[in-house]
Amino acid sequence: MQIKNLIQLVTVTTMVLVVSGCTTSQNVPLANKKNLVPGNALIKVERESGFIGGGRRVGVTDNGKKVGALSQGNSIVWQRKPGKMALKLQPAFAAVKDYPPINVNVKPGKTYNYIVTLSHQEGSFIIRKK
């Protein structure tokens, strides 16, 4: 009877861990071209799907402010005022190293697209221009 209980506990724990990493959260209002405030720019960061690190969310910051946390295959989209932007992944677990941000001078009315991928060469998730 104890083995059956242990198997059930392991199964439930595994499912909770897998499901808890499957959601994307966005800490800023969702934006698109239809609701873009005149003079602002649209920023989109998406994360590729993949097995390695798939159960963990990757935090994204804009000038040090957390804009969201990406799960695999999802994206976050927000608008911001023009000017200097430092886009960075938040180091949170072993597969997200503390790399310098991508620095961009954001122009009004433009759309900026980025992708988060797992770099096997770096052994870490990285963010790059799409």
C-alpha atoms as a PDB file:
ATOM      1  CA  MET A   1       0.000   0.000   0.000  1.00  0.00           C
ATOM      2  CA  GLN A   2       2.868   2.389   0.747  1.00  0.00           C
ATOM      3  CA  ILE A   3       4.354   2.014  -2.748  1.00  0.00           C
ATOM      4  CA  LYS A   4       1.009   2.886  -4.347  1.00  0.00           C
ATOM      5  CA  ASN A   5       0.763   6.040  -2.198  1.00  0.00           C
ATOM      6  CA  LEU A   6       4.326   7.003  -3.071  1.00  0.00           C
ATOM      7  CA  ILE A   7       3.645   6.567  -6.801  1.00  0.00           C
ATOM      8  CA  GLN A   8       0.515   8.728  -6.513  1.00  0.00           C
ATOM      9  CA  LEU A   9       2.438  11.426  -4.630  1.00  0.00           C
ATOM     10  CA  VAL A  10       5.233  11.479  -7.212  1.00  0.00           C
ATOM     11  CA  THR A  11       2.709  11.603 -10.076  1.00  0.00           C
ATOM     12  CA  VAL A  12       0.734  14.493  -8.568  1.00  0.00           C
ATOM     13  CA  THR A  13       3.901  16.425  -7.661  1.00  0.00           C
ATOM     14  CA  THR A  14       5.287  16.012 -11.180  1.00  0.00           C
ATOM     15  CA  MET A  15       2.044  17.204 -12.756  1.00  0.00           C
ATOM     16  CA  VAL A  16       1.899  20.276 -10.498  1.00  0.00           C
ATOM     17  CA  LEU A  17       5.485  21.191 -11.385  1.00  0.00           C
ATOM     18  CA  VAL A  18       4.880  20.763 -15.114  1.00  0.00           C
ATOM     19  CA  VAL A  19       1.626  22.733 -15.151  1.00  0.00           C
ATOM     20  CA  SER A  20       3.008  25.542 -12.973  1.00  0.00           C
ATOM     21  CA  GLY A  21       5.601  26.357 -15.622  1.00  0.00           C
ATOM     22  CA  CYS A  22       3.132  26.381 -18.508  1.00  0.00           C
ATOM     23  CA  THR A  23       1.704  29.858 -18.114  1.00  0.00           C
ATOM     24  CA  THR A  24       2.950  33.208 -19.321  1.00  0.00           C
ATOM     25  CA  SER A  25       2.338  36.233 -17.159  1.00  0.00           C
ATOM     26  CA  GLN A  26       2.403  39.809 -18.367  1.00  0.00           C
ATOM     27  CA  ASN A  27       2.954  42.584 -15.805  1.00  0.00           C
ATOM     28  CA  VAL A  28       2.141  45.445 -18.203  1.00  0.00           C
ATOM     29  CA  PRO A  29      -1.009  46.059 -20.269  1.00  0.00           C
ATOM     30  CA  LEU A  30      -1.285  43.889 -23.380  1.00  0.00           C
ATOM     31  CA  ALA A  31      -0.740  45.967 -26.511  1.00  0.00           C
ATOM     32  CA  ASN A  32      -1.238  45.650 -30.258  1.00  0.00           C
ATOM     33  CA  LYS A  33      -1.204  47.973 -33.256  1.00  0.00           C
ATOM     34  CA  LYS A  34      -4.897  48.782 -32.747  1.00  0.00           C
ATOM     35  CA  ASN A  35      -4.472  50.149 -29.219  1.00  0.00           C
ATOM     36  CA  LEU A  36      -1.015  51.691 -29.680  1.00  0.00           C
ATOM     37  CA  VAL A  37      -0.897  55.197 -28.213  1.00  0.00           C
ATOM     38  CA  PRO A  38       0.339  57.681 -30.856  1.00  0.00           C
ATOM     39  CA  GLY A  39       4.053  58.293 -30.340  1.00  0.00           C
ATOM     40  CA  ASN A  40       4.661  54.983 -28.533  1.00  0.00           C
ATOM     41  CA  ALA A  41       6.418  51.884 -29.887  1.00  0.00           C
ATOM     42  CA  LEU A  42       5.332  48.235 -29.773  1.00  0.00           C
ATOM     43  CA  ILE A  43       7.680  45.648 -28.221  1.00  0.00           C
ATOM     44  CA  LYS A  44       7.118  41.908 -28.712  1.00  0.00           C
ATOM     45  CA  VAL A  45       9.158  39.151 -27.089  1.00  0.00           C
ATOM     46  CA  GLU A  46       8.337  35.535 -27.863  1.00  0.00           C
ATOM     47  CA  ARG A  47       9.856  32.316 -26.592  1.00  0.00           C
ATOM     48  CA  GLU A  48      10.531  29.283 -28.733  1.00  0.00           C
ATOM     49  CA  SER A  49       9.107  25.933 -27.741  1.00  0.00           C
ATOM     50  CA  GLY A  50      11.504  23.290 -26.530  1.00  0.00           C
ATOM     51  CA  PHE A  51      11.840  20.450 -24.111  1.00  0.00           C
ATOM     52  CA  ILE A  52      14.904  21.660 -22.172  1.00  0.00           C
ATOM     53  CA  GLY A  53      13.828  24.287 -19.655  1.00  0.00           C
ATOM     54  CA  GLY A  54      10.269  23.981 -20.939  1.00  0.00           C
ATOM     55  CA  GLY A  55       8.748  23.784 -17.487  1.00  0.00           C
ATOM     56  CA  ARG A  56      10.331  27.047 -16.331  1.00  0.00           C
ATOM     57  CA  ARG A  57       9.266  30.597 -17.095  1.00  0.00           C
ATOM     58  CA  VAL A  58      11.830  33.182 -18.176  1.00  0.00           C
ATOM     59  CA  GLY A  59      11.428  36.727 -16.810  1.00  0.00           C
ATOM     60  CA  VAL A  60      11.821  39.723 -19.146  1.00  0.00           C
ATOM     61  CA  THR A  61      12.694  43.259 -18.026  1.00  0.00           C
ATOM     62  CA  ASP A  62      12.529  46.643 -19.783  1.00  0.00           C
ATOM     63  CA  ASN A  63      14.909  49.121 -18.126  1.00  0.00           C
ATOM     64  CA  GLY A  64      14.945  46.972 -15.001  1.00  0.00           C
ATOM     65  CA  LYS A  65      11.132  46.779 -14.704  1.00  0.00           C
ATOM     66  CA  LYS A  66       9.705  43.269 -15.047  1.00  0.00           C
ATOM     67  CA  VAL A  67       7.249  43.222 -17.947  1.00  0.00           C
ATOM     68  CA  GLY A  68       6.428  39.523 -17.765  1.00  0.00           C
ATOM     69  CA  ALA A  69       7.528  35.910 -17.565  1.00  0.00           C
ATOM     70  CA  LEU A  70       7.470  33.697 -20.647  1.00  0.00           C
ATOM     71  CA  SER A  71       6.623  30.042 -20.814  1.00  0.00           C
ATOM     72  CA  GLN A  72       7.583  28.062 -23.903  1.00  0.00           C
ATOM     73  CA  GLY A  73       5.824  28.950 -27.150  1.00  0.00           C
ATOM     74  CA  ASN A  74       4.237  32.133 -25.763  1.00  0.00           C
ATOM     75  CA  SER A  75       4.828  35.863 -26.127  1.00  0.00           C
ATOM     76  CA  ILE A  76       4.416  39.138 -24.304  1.00  0.00           C
ATOM     77  CA  VAL A  77       3.620  42.379 -26.116  1.00  0.00           C
ATOM     78  CA  TRP A  78       3.633  45.863 -24.628  1.00  0.00           C
ATOM     79  CA  GLN A  79       3.942  49.463 -25.676  1.00  0.00           C
ATOM     80  CA  ARG A  80       6.420  51.977 -24.386  1.00  0.00           C
ATOM     81  CA  LYS A  81       7.495  55.549 -24.867  1.00  0.00           C
ATOM     82  CA  PRO A  82      10.393  56.259 -27.231  1.00  0.00           C
ATOM     83  CA  GLY A  83      13.892  56.447 -25.815  1.00  0.00           C
ATOM     84  CA  LYS A  84      16.532  54.150 -24.420  1.00  0.00           C
ATOM     85  CA  MET A  85      15.435  50.602 -23.673  1.00  0.00           C
ATOM     86  CA  ALA A  86      17.542  47.959 -21.937  1.00  0.00           C
ATOM     87  CA  LEU A  87      15.860  44.619 -22.662  1.00  0.00           C
ATOM     88  CA  LYS A  88      17.084  41.755 -20.511  1.00  0.00           C
ATOM     89  CA  LEU A  89      16.235  38.290 -19.229  1.00  0.00           C
ATOM     90  CA  GLN A  90      16.024  37.924 -15.457  1.00  0.00           C
ATOM     91  CA  PRO A  91      18.472  35.392 -14.081  1.00  0.00           C
ATOM     92  CA  ALA A  92      16.258  32.964 -12.197  1.00  0.00           C
ATOM     93  CA  PHE A  93      17.655  29.481 -12.531  1.00  0.00           C
ATOM     94  CA  ALA A  94      20.768  27.808 -13.944  1.00  0.00           C
ATOM     95  CA  ALA A  95      19.653  28.124 -17.589  1.00  0.00           C
ATOM     96  CA  VAL A  96      19.257  31.936 -17.436  1.00  0.00           C
ATOM     97  CA  LYS A  97      22.639  33.598 -17.008  1.00  0.00           C
ATOM     98  CA  ASP A  98      23.135  37.257 -16.131  1.00  0.00           C
ATOM     99  CA  TYR A  99      24.021  38.649 -19.573  1.00  0.00           C
ATOM    100  CA  PRO A 100      24.181  42.369 -20.388  1.00  0.00           C
ATOM    101  CA  PRO A 101      20.938  43.822 -21.770  1.00  0.00           C
ATOM    102  CA  ILE A 102      20.138  44.547 -25.389  1.00  0.00           C
ATOM    103  CA  ASN A 103      20.255  48.340 -25.606  1.00  0.00           C
ATOM    104  CA  VAL A 104      17.965  49.971 -28.164  1.00  0.00           C
ATOM    105  CA  ASN A 105      16.992  53.557 -28.882  1.00  0.00           C
ATOM    106  CA  VAL A 106      13.246  53.025 -29.377  1.00  0.00           C
ATOM    107  CA  LYS A 107      11.625  55.154 -32.091  1.00  0.00           C
ATOM    108  CA  PRO A 108       7.963  56.222 -32.039  1.00  0.00           C
ATOM    109  CA  GLY A 109       5.521  54.156 -34.094  1.00  0.00           C
ATOM    110  CA  LYS A 110       7.941  51.270 -34.692  1.00  0.00           C
ATOM    111  CA  THR A 111       7.517  47.600 -33.779  1.00  0.00           C
ATOM    112  CA  TYR A 112      10.447  45.710 -32.234  1.00  0.00           C
ATOM    113  CA  ASN A 113      10.471  41.899 -32.294  1.00  0.00           C
ATOM    114  CA  TYR A 114      12.683  39.698 -30.135  1.00  0.00           C
ATOM    115  CA  ILE A 115      12.918  35.985 -29.477  1.00  0.00           C
ATOM    116  CA  VAL A 116      14.073  34.003 -26.448  1.00  0.00           C
ATOM    117  CA  THR A 117      15.915  30.829 -27.379  1.00  0.00           C
ATOM    118  CA  LEU A 118      18.010  28.244 -25.591  1.00  0.00           C
ATOM    119  CA  SER A 119      21.599  28.586 -26.781  1.00  0.00           C
ATOM    120  CA  HIS A 120      23.328  25.235 -26.440  1.00  0.00           C
ATOM    121  CA  GLN A 121      26.632  27.013 -27.076  1.00  0.00           C
ATOM    122  CA  GLU A 122      26.069  29.398 -24.153  1.00  0.00           C
ATOM    123  CA  GLY A 123      24.252  26.849 -21.981  1.00  0.00           C
ATOM    124  CA  SER A 124      21.628  29.493 -21.266  1.00  0.00           C
ATOM    125  CA  PHE A 125      18.509  31.153 -22.574  1.00  0.00           C
ATOM    126  CA  ILE A 126      19.340  34.257 -24.586  1.00  0.00           C
ATOM    127  CA  ILE A 127      17.300  37.073 -26.076  1.00  0.00           C
ATOM    128  CA  ARG A 128      18.016  38.343 -29.573  1.00  0.00           C
ATOM    129  CA  LYS A 129      16.434  40.410 -32.307  1.00  0.00           C
ATOM    130  CA  LYS A 130      14.099  38.351 -34.442  1.00  0.00           C
END
